[in-house]
N, C-alpha and C. Protein backbone atom coordinates (compact mmCIF):
# COMPACT_ATOMS: atom_id res chain seq x y z
N MET A 1 171.47 223.56 216.08
CA MET A 1 170.75 222.59 215.31
C MET A 1 169.26 222.80 215.52
N ARG A 2 168.49 222.79 214.46
CA ARG A 2 167.05 223.01 214.50
C ARG A 2 166.33 221.72 214.85
N GLU A 3 165.36 221.84 215.76
CA GLU A 3 164.55 220.68 216.14
C GLU A 3 163.59 220.34 215.01
N PRO A 4 163.29 219.08 214.82
CA PRO A 4 162.31 218.71 213.80
C PRO A 4 160.94 219.24 214.16
N ASP A 5 160.18 219.57 213.13
CA ASP A 5 158.82 220.03 213.35
C ASP A 5 157.94 218.86 213.76
N GLU A 6 156.90 219.17 214.47
CA GLU A 6 155.89 218.19 214.81
C GLU A 6 155.15 217.81 213.53
N PRO A 7 154.48 216.66 213.50
CA PRO A 7 153.73 216.26 212.31
C PRO A 7 152.74 217.32 211.85
N SER A 8 152.15 218.06 212.77
CA SER A 8 151.18 219.09 212.40
C SER A 8 151.85 220.39 211.98
N GLY A 9 153.17 220.42 211.93
CA GLY A 9 153.89 221.62 211.56
C GLY A 9 154.30 222.46 212.75
N LEU A 10 153.92 222.06 213.96
CA LEU A 10 154.29 222.80 215.16
C LEU A 10 155.65 222.36 215.66
N GLN A 11 156.39 223.28 216.21
CA GLN A 11 157.69 222.94 216.76
C GLN A 11 157.56 222.49 218.20
N LEU A 12 158.52 221.69 218.62
CA LEU A 12 158.60 221.30 220.03
C LEU A 12 158.86 222.55 220.86
N VAL A 13 158.36 222.56 222.09
CA VAL A 13 158.65 223.65 223.02
C VAL A 13 160.08 223.42 223.49
N ALA A 14 160.95 224.40 223.27
CA ALA A 14 162.38 224.20 223.48
C ALA A 14 162.94 225.15 224.54
N PHE A 15 163.76 224.57 225.41
CA PHE A 15 164.49 225.32 226.44
C PHE A 15 165.95 224.91 226.31
N GLN A 16 166.84 225.88 226.17
CA GLN A 16 168.25 225.59 225.94
C GLN A 16 169.11 226.27 227.00
N GLY A 17 169.86 225.45 227.73
CA GLY A 17 170.85 225.97 228.67
C GLY A 17 172.23 225.88 228.05
N ARG A 18 173.25 226.11 228.85
CA ARG A 18 174.62 226.11 228.33
C ARG A 18 175.03 224.73 227.80
N HIS A 19 174.80 223.68 228.58
CA HIS A 19 175.13 222.32 228.15
C HIS A 19 173.96 221.37 228.37
N SER A 20 172.74 221.92 228.43
CA SER A 20 171.57 221.12 228.75
C SER A 20 170.36 221.65 228.00
N SER A 21 169.35 220.79 227.85
CA SER A 21 168.15 221.23 227.13
C SER A 21 166.95 220.38 227.49
N LEU A 22 165.79 220.94 227.20
CA LEU A 22 164.51 220.23 227.28
C LEU A 22 163.75 220.56 226.01
N ARG A 23 163.25 219.53 225.36
CA ARG A 23 162.34 219.67 224.22
C ARG A 23 161.08 218.91 224.63
N MET A 24 159.94 219.59 224.58
CA MET A 24 158.73 218.90 225.03
C MET A 24 157.57 219.17 224.09
N ALA A 25 156.61 218.23 224.11
CA ALA A 25 155.43 218.33 223.27
C ALA A 25 154.24 217.72 224.00
N ILE A 26 153.08 218.32 223.79
CA ILE A 26 151.84 217.74 224.29
C ILE A 26 151.42 216.69 223.26
N ARG A 27 151.22 215.46 223.70
CA ARG A 27 150.91 214.37 222.79
C ARG A 27 149.43 214.03 222.70
N GLN A 28 148.72 214.10 223.84
CA GLN A 28 147.31 213.74 223.82
C GLN A 28 146.70 214.04 225.18
N TYR A 29 145.37 213.98 225.23
CA TYR A 29 144.68 214.01 226.52
C TYR A 29 144.90 212.65 227.18
N GLN A 30 145.04 212.62 228.50
CA GLN A 30 145.15 211.35 229.20
C GLN A 30 143.84 210.57 229.08
N PHE A 31 142.72 211.28 229.19
CA PHE A 31 141.40 210.66 229.11
C PHE A 31 140.62 211.31 227.95
N PRO A 32 140.90 210.91 226.72
CA PRO A 32 140.30 211.59 225.56
C PRO A 32 138.78 211.52 225.50
N ASP A 33 138.18 210.52 226.15
CA ASP A 33 136.72 210.37 226.07
C ASP A 33 135.97 211.06 227.22
N VAL A 34 136.69 211.58 228.19
CA VAL A 34 136.05 212.29 229.31
C VAL A 34 135.99 213.77 228.92
N MET A 35 134.78 214.28 228.78
CA MET A 35 134.62 215.64 228.26
C MET A 35 134.05 216.63 229.27
N ASP A 36 133.53 216.16 230.41
CA ASP A 36 132.77 217.06 231.28
C ASP A 36 133.29 217.13 232.71
N ASP A 37 134.50 216.70 232.96
CA ASP A 37 135.08 216.75 234.29
C ASP A 37 136.17 217.83 234.32
N ALA A 38 136.09 218.71 235.30
CA ALA A 38 137.03 219.83 235.37
C ALA A 38 138.49 219.38 235.37
N TRP A 39 138.78 218.25 235.99
CA TRP A 39 140.16 217.77 236.07
C TRP A 39 140.46 216.69 235.04
N ASP A 40 139.72 215.58 235.09
CA ASP A 40 140.06 214.45 234.22
C ASP A 40 139.94 214.78 232.74
N SER A 41 139.10 215.71 232.37
CA SER A 41 138.97 216.10 230.96
C SER A 41 140.20 216.86 230.46
N ASN A 42 141.01 217.37 231.38
CA ASN A 42 142.08 218.30 231.01
C ASN A 42 143.50 217.80 231.25
N TRP A 43 143.67 216.55 231.70
CA TRP A 43 145.03 216.03 231.88
C TRP A 43 145.66 215.76 230.53
N LEU A 44 146.90 216.20 230.37
CA LEU A 44 147.64 216.07 229.11
C LEU A 44 148.83 215.14 229.27
N ILE A 45 149.05 214.30 228.28
CA ILE A 45 150.26 213.49 228.21
C ILE A 45 151.34 214.36 227.58
N VAL A 46 152.41 214.58 228.32
CA VAL A 46 153.52 215.42 227.86
C VAL A 46 154.72 214.52 227.63
N GLU A 47 155.36 214.71 226.48
CA GLU A 47 156.60 213.98 226.18
C GLU A 47 157.75 214.97 226.24
N GLY A 48 158.80 214.59 226.93
CA GLY A 48 159.97 215.45 227.05
C GLY A 48 161.25 214.71 226.71
N HIS A 49 162.13 215.42 226.05
CA HIS A 49 163.47 214.91 225.74
C HIS A 49 164.45 215.80 226.49
N VAL A 50 165.14 215.21 227.46
CA VAL A 50 166.01 215.96 228.37
C VAL A 50 167.46 215.58 228.10
N ASP A 51 168.32 216.58 228.15
CA ASP A 51 169.77 216.36 228.08
C ASP A 51 170.39 217.27 229.12
N ILE A 52 170.88 216.70 230.19
CA ILE A 52 171.57 217.48 231.23
C ILE A 52 173.04 217.08 231.19
N LYS A 53 173.83 217.95 230.60
CA LYS A 53 175.28 217.74 230.51
C LYS A 53 175.63 216.36 229.96
N GLY A 54 174.94 215.94 228.91
CA GLY A 54 175.23 214.67 228.27
C GLY A 54 174.44 213.49 228.79
N ARG A 55 173.79 213.62 229.92
CA ARG A 55 172.92 212.54 230.42
C ARG A 55 171.54 212.77 229.82
N LYS A 56 171.11 211.84 228.96
CA LYS A 56 169.87 212.03 228.21
C LYS A 56 168.81 211.02 228.63
N TRP A 57 167.57 211.49 228.64
CA TRP A 57 166.43 210.60 228.86
C TRP A 57 165.18 211.23 228.27
N THR A 58 164.17 210.39 228.16
CA THR A 58 162.87 210.81 227.64
C THR A 58 161.80 210.43 228.66
N PHE A 59 160.80 211.27 228.81
CA PHE A 59 159.65 210.91 229.64
C PHE A 59 158.38 211.14 228.83
N ARG A 60 157.36 210.43 229.20
CA ARG A 60 156.03 210.59 228.59
C ARG A 60 155.03 210.31 229.71
N ASP A 61 154.39 211.39 230.20
CA ASP A 61 153.60 211.26 231.41
C ASP A 61 152.50 212.32 231.46
N PRO A 62 151.37 212.02 232.12
CA PRO A 62 150.34 213.04 232.32
C PRO A 62 150.74 213.96 233.46
N CYS A 63 151.55 214.96 233.15
CA CYS A 63 152.10 215.80 234.22
C CYS A 63 151.62 217.24 234.19
N LEU A 64 150.74 217.60 233.24
CA LEU A 64 150.16 218.95 233.18
C LEU A 64 148.70 218.85 232.78
N THR A 65 147.93 219.82 233.22
CA THR A 65 146.57 219.98 232.71
C THR A 65 146.57 221.09 231.68
N THR A 66 145.48 221.22 230.95
CA THR A 66 145.39 222.30 229.96
C THR A 66 145.56 223.66 230.64
N PHE A 67 144.91 223.85 231.79
CA PHE A 67 144.99 225.15 232.44
C PHE A 67 146.37 225.39 233.06
N GLU A 68 147.07 224.33 233.48
CA GLU A 68 148.44 224.51 233.98
C GLU A 68 149.38 224.85 232.83
N ALA A 69 149.18 224.25 231.67
CA ALA A 69 150.01 224.58 230.51
C ALA A 69 149.76 226.03 230.08
N GLU A 70 148.51 226.48 230.14
CA GLU A 70 148.20 227.89 229.84
C GLU A 70 148.92 228.80 230.83
N HIS A 71 148.88 228.43 232.11
CA HIS A 71 149.55 229.21 233.15
C HIS A 71 151.06 229.25 232.91
N LEU A 72 151.65 228.11 232.52
CA LEU A 72 153.08 228.08 232.23
C LEU A 72 153.42 229.01 231.08
N ALA A 73 152.62 229.02 230.03
CA ALA A 73 152.87 229.92 228.90
C ALA A 73 152.82 231.38 229.35
N ASP A 74 151.81 231.73 230.14
CA ASP A 74 151.70 233.11 230.66
C ASP A 74 152.91 233.46 231.51
N TRP A 75 153.31 232.54 232.38
CA TRP A 75 154.44 232.78 233.29
C TRP A 75 155.74 232.93 232.52
N LEU A 76 155.97 232.09 231.53
CA LEU A 76 157.20 232.19 230.72
C LEU A 76 157.27 233.54 230.01
N GLU A 77 156.14 233.99 229.51
CA GLU A 77 156.10 235.30 228.85
C GLU A 77 156.40 236.42 229.85
N GLU A 78 155.84 236.32 231.04
CA GLU A 78 156.12 237.31 232.09
C GLU A 78 157.60 237.32 232.44
N VAL A 79 158.20 236.14 232.60
CA VAL A 79 159.63 236.05 232.93
C VAL A 79 160.48 236.66 231.82
N SER A 80 160.11 236.44 230.57
CA SER A 80 160.92 236.95 229.46
C SER A 80 160.89 238.47 229.39
N ASN A 81 159.83 239.09 229.95
CA ASN A 81 159.69 240.55 229.89
C ASN A 81 160.21 241.28 231.12
N ALA A 82 160.15 240.64 232.28
CA ALA A 82 160.54 241.32 233.52
C ALA A 82 160.64 240.27 234.63
N GLU A 83 161.02 240.73 235.81
CA GLU A 83 161.03 239.82 236.97
C GLU A 83 159.59 239.42 237.25
N PRO A 84 159.31 238.12 237.39
CA PRO A 84 157.92 237.67 237.53
C PRO A 84 157.33 237.99 238.90
N SER A 85 156.00 238.06 238.95
CA SER A 85 155.33 238.31 240.22
C SER A 85 155.43 237.11 241.15
N LYS A 86 155.52 235.89 240.59
CA LYS A 86 155.75 234.67 241.38
C LYS A 86 157.07 234.06 240.93
N VAL A 87 157.87 233.60 241.88
CA VAL A 87 159.21 233.11 241.58
C VAL A 87 159.21 231.72 240.92
N ASP A 88 158.12 230.96 241.09
CA ASP A 88 158.12 229.63 240.50
C ASP A 88 156.80 229.31 239.83
N CYS A 89 156.85 228.29 239.00
CA CYS A 89 155.67 227.78 238.31
C CYS A 89 155.66 226.28 238.56
N ARG A 90 154.77 225.87 239.49
CA ARG A 90 154.66 224.46 239.85
C ARG A 90 153.27 223.97 239.49
N PHE A 91 153.11 222.65 239.51
CA PHE A 91 151.89 222.05 239.02
C PHE A 91 151.35 221.02 239.99
N THR A 92 150.14 220.54 239.75
CA THR A 92 149.51 219.55 240.61
C THR A 92 150.41 218.33 240.77
N GLU A 93 150.87 217.79 239.64
CA GLU A 93 151.85 216.70 239.66
C GLU A 93 153.23 217.33 239.70
N PRO A 94 154.07 216.98 240.66
CA PRO A 94 155.36 217.67 240.82
C PRO A 94 156.48 217.15 239.90
N ASN A 95 156.13 216.70 238.71
CA ASN A 95 157.13 216.17 237.79
C ASN A 95 158.05 217.25 237.22
N LEU A 96 157.50 218.41 236.95
CA LEU A 96 158.26 219.53 236.39
C LEU A 96 158.12 220.73 237.30
N GLU A 97 159.19 221.51 237.38
CA GLU A 97 159.13 222.78 238.11
C GLU A 97 159.99 223.78 237.36
N PHE A 98 159.46 224.99 237.22
CA PHE A 98 160.16 226.10 236.61
C PHE A 98 160.32 227.16 237.69
N ARG A 99 161.56 227.59 237.95
CA ARG A 99 161.82 228.54 239.04
C ARG A 99 162.74 229.66 238.53
N TYR A 100 162.30 230.89 238.76
CA TYR A 100 163.09 232.06 238.40
C TYR A 100 164.20 232.27 239.43
N GLN A 101 165.42 232.46 238.94
CA GLN A 101 166.57 232.72 239.80
C GLN A 101 166.91 234.21 239.73
N LYS A 102 167.37 234.77 240.82
CA LYS A 102 167.68 236.20 240.87
C LYS A 102 168.76 236.63 239.87
N ASN A 103 169.56 235.68 239.39
CA ASN A 103 170.62 236.02 238.42
C ASN A 103 170.11 235.99 236.98
N ARG A 104 168.78 236.20 236.81
CA ARG A 104 168.12 236.23 235.50
C ARG A 104 168.31 234.93 234.74
N GLN A 105 168.13 233.85 235.49
CA GLN A 105 168.12 232.52 234.90
C GLN A 105 166.87 231.79 235.38
N LEU A 106 166.51 230.78 234.63
CA LEU A 106 165.38 229.94 234.95
C LEU A 106 165.90 228.54 235.23
N ARG A 107 165.53 227.97 236.38
CA ARG A 107 165.92 226.59 236.70
C ARG A 107 164.75 225.69 236.36
N ILE A 108 164.99 224.69 235.50
CA ILE A 108 163.98 223.69 235.16
C ILE A 108 164.38 222.40 235.87
N SER A 109 163.47 221.86 236.69
CA SER A 109 163.74 220.67 237.50
C SER A 109 162.79 219.54 237.11
N PHE A 110 163.28 218.32 237.27
CA PHE A 110 162.54 217.11 236.90
C PHE A 110 162.47 216.19 238.11
N ALA A 111 161.30 215.58 238.33
CA ALA A 111 161.12 214.65 239.45
C ALA A 111 160.18 213.53 239.04
N LEU A 112 160.11 212.53 239.90
CA LEU A 112 159.22 211.39 239.71
C LEU A 112 159.38 210.81 238.30
N GLU A 113 158.26 210.59 237.58
CA GLU A 113 158.32 209.94 236.28
C GLU A 113 159.08 210.76 235.23
N SER A 114 159.24 212.04 235.45
CA SER A 114 159.96 212.88 234.50
C SER A 114 161.45 213.01 234.82
N GLY A 115 161.86 212.46 235.96
CA GLY A 115 163.25 212.58 236.38
C GLY A 115 164.16 211.60 235.67
N PRO A 116 165.45 211.72 235.93
CA PRO A 116 166.41 210.83 235.28
C PRO A 116 166.22 209.38 235.74
N PRO A 117 166.19 208.45 234.81
CA PRO A 117 165.99 207.04 235.18
C PRO A 117 167.21 206.47 235.90
N GLY A 118 166.94 205.54 236.80
CA GLY A 118 168.03 204.83 237.45
C GLY A 118 168.72 205.58 238.57
N PHE A 119 168.24 206.76 238.91
CA PHE A 119 168.91 207.54 239.94
C PHE A 119 168.27 207.37 241.30
N GLY A 120 167.05 206.85 241.36
CA GLY A 120 166.36 206.82 242.64
C GLY A 120 166.13 208.26 243.08
N THR A 121 166.75 208.65 244.15
CA THR A 121 166.68 210.03 244.60
C THR A 121 167.98 210.73 244.22
N PRO A 122 167.94 211.64 243.23
CA PRO A 122 169.17 212.34 242.85
C PRO A 122 169.77 213.07 244.04
N SER A 123 171.10 213.07 244.10
CA SER A 123 171.77 213.66 245.25
C SER A 123 172.09 215.13 245.07
N SER A 124 171.96 215.66 243.87
CA SER A 124 172.25 217.08 243.68
C SER A 124 171.35 217.67 242.60
N TRP A 125 171.23 218.99 242.62
CA TRP A 125 170.43 219.70 241.62
C TRP A 125 170.95 219.41 240.22
N ASP A 126 172.26 219.27 240.08
CA ASP A 126 172.85 219.08 238.75
C ASP A 126 172.40 217.80 238.09
N GLU A 127 171.91 216.85 238.86
CA GLU A 127 171.46 215.58 238.30
C GLU A 127 170.02 215.62 237.79
N ARG A 128 169.26 216.63 238.23
CA ARG A 128 167.85 216.66 237.85
C ARG A 128 167.34 218.05 237.49
N SER A 129 168.22 218.97 237.21
CA SER A 129 167.79 220.31 236.80
C SER A 129 168.89 220.98 236.00
N PHE A 130 168.50 222.06 235.34
CA PHE A 130 169.50 222.87 234.62
C PHE A 130 169.00 224.30 234.52
N LEU A 131 169.91 225.19 234.19
CA LEU A 131 169.61 226.62 234.10
C LEU A 131 169.48 227.06 232.65
N VAL A 132 168.52 227.95 232.42
CA VAL A 132 168.29 228.55 231.11
C VAL A 132 168.38 230.06 231.30
N PRO A 133 169.16 230.76 230.47
CA PRO A 133 169.20 232.21 230.61
C PRO A 133 167.85 232.84 230.23
N VAL A 134 167.48 233.89 230.96
CA VAL A 134 166.26 234.61 230.63
C VAL A 134 166.53 235.44 229.38
N SER A 135 165.72 235.18 228.35
CA SER A 135 165.87 235.88 227.07
C SER A 135 164.55 235.80 226.32
N SER A 136 164.54 236.33 225.12
CA SER A 136 163.33 236.26 224.29
C SER A 136 163.00 234.82 223.91
N ALA A 137 163.94 233.90 224.07
CA ALA A 137 163.66 232.49 223.78
C ALA A 137 162.55 231.95 224.68
N LEU A 138 162.38 232.51 225.87
CA LEU A 138 161.30 232.07 226.75
C LEU A 138 159.94 232.51 226.20
N ALA A 139 159.88 233.68 225.59
CA ALA A 139 158.64 234.13 224.95
C ALA A 139 158.33 233.23 223.75
N THR A 140 159.36 232.81 223.04
CA THR A 140 159.18 231.88 221.92
C THR A 140 158.64 230.55 222.44
N ALA A 141 159.18 230.05 223.56
CA ALA A 141 158.69 228.81 224.15
C ALA A 141 157.22 228.95 224.55
N ALA A 142 156.84 230.11 225.09
CA ALA A 142 155.44 230.36 225.47
C ALA A 142 154.55 230.31 224.23
N THR A 143 154.99 230.90 223.15
CA THR A 143 154.23 230.88 221.90
C THR A 143 154.10 229.45 221.37
N GLN A 144 155.19 228.69 221.41
CA GLN A 144 155.16 227.30 220.95
C GLN A 144 154.19 226.48 221.79
N LEU A 145 154.18 226.70 223.10
CA LEU A 145 153.27 225.98 223.99
C LEU A 145 151.82 226.34 223.67
N ARG A 146 151.54 227.62 223.46
CA ARG A 146 150.18 228.04 223.11
C ARG A 146 149.74 227.43 221.78
N GLN A 147 150.66 227.34 220.82
CA GLN A 147 150.34 226.72 219.53
C GLN A 147 149.96 225.25 219.72
N GLN A 148 150.66 224.56 220.61
CA GLN A 148 150.32 223.17 220.88
C GLN A 148 148.97 223.05 221.57
N LEU A 149 148.67 224.00 222.44
CA LEU A 149 147.39 223.97 223.18
C LEU A 149 146.18 224.19 222.28
N VAL A 150 146.38 224.74 221.10
CA VAL A 150 145.27 224.90 220.16
C VAL A 150 144.66 223.53 219.85
N ARG A 151 145.50 222.50 219.79
CA ARG A 151 145.02 221.13 219.52
C ARG A 151 144.38 220.50 220.75
N PHE A 152 144.63 221.09 221.94
CA PHE A 152 144.15 220.52 223.19
C PHE A 152 143.49 221.61 224.04
N PRO A 153 142.32 222.08 223.64
CA PRO A 153 141.67 223.15 224.41
C PRO A 153 141.14 222.63 225.74
N ARG A 154 140.94 223.57 226.65
CA ARG A 154 140.36 223.25 227.95
C ARG A 154 138.95 222.69 227.72
N ARG A 155 138.64 221.63 228.45
CA ARG A 155 137.33 220.99 228.30
C ARG A 155 136.63 220.94 229.66
N GLY A 156 135.31 220.87 229.62
CA GLY A 156 134.54 220.77 230.85
C GLY A 156 134.54 222.07 231.64
N PRO A 157 133.98 222.03 232.84
CA PRO A 157 133.94 223.24 233.68
C PRO A 157 135.34 223.60 234.18
N HIS A 158 135.54 224.88 234.43
CA HIS A 158 136.81 225.33 235.00
C HIS A 158 136.85 224.88 236.46
N PRO A 159 137.97 224.32 236.90
CA PRO A 159 138.02 223.87 238.31
C PRO A 159 137.91 225.07 239.24
N THR A 160 137.11 224.90 240.29
CA THR A 160 136.92 226.00 241.24
C THR A 160 137.98 225.98 242.33
N ARG A 161 138.70 224.89 242.44
CA ARG A 161 139.77 224.80 243.43
C ARG A 161 140.92 224.01 242.83
N LEU A 162 142.09 224.25 243.33
CA LEU A 162 143.23 223.47 242.92
C LEU A 162 143.33 222.25 243.82
N ARG A 163 143.83 221.18 243.26
CA ARG A 163 144.00 219.96 244.08
C ARG A 163 145.11 220.13 245.05
């Protein structure tokens, strides 16, 4: 089934596992009026629609910066082409994590505000993560993410250190 296009004609960034999926979109800057701060100018509100083996939820949270989203796109492209130089792609806010598995799969994990509601602390990986096979679909996801970032360019000075 094809995901609906975004209002601007862009598709949601899509990750599909065997019985699970993530569809996500960048919705806005967290602080749209802050233009000159390396960090606050670049926080993005990300909306995700998660389905892990029939358990569905949605999150909407400032869990990535513009430069972290750029890094994720680069990393996904690297994973789709070969074994990546770094095994995981993590962010300042630990809501999402992407981890390369040696069996040529990608594990996508959810925590905090992006995790499954009502679980408190999930007791197993199966409750808050799923596997995606490494394929050209990851390069497509990287392209979709970059297309969304066109609407949300990096603003202000580049951060000289990570938080």
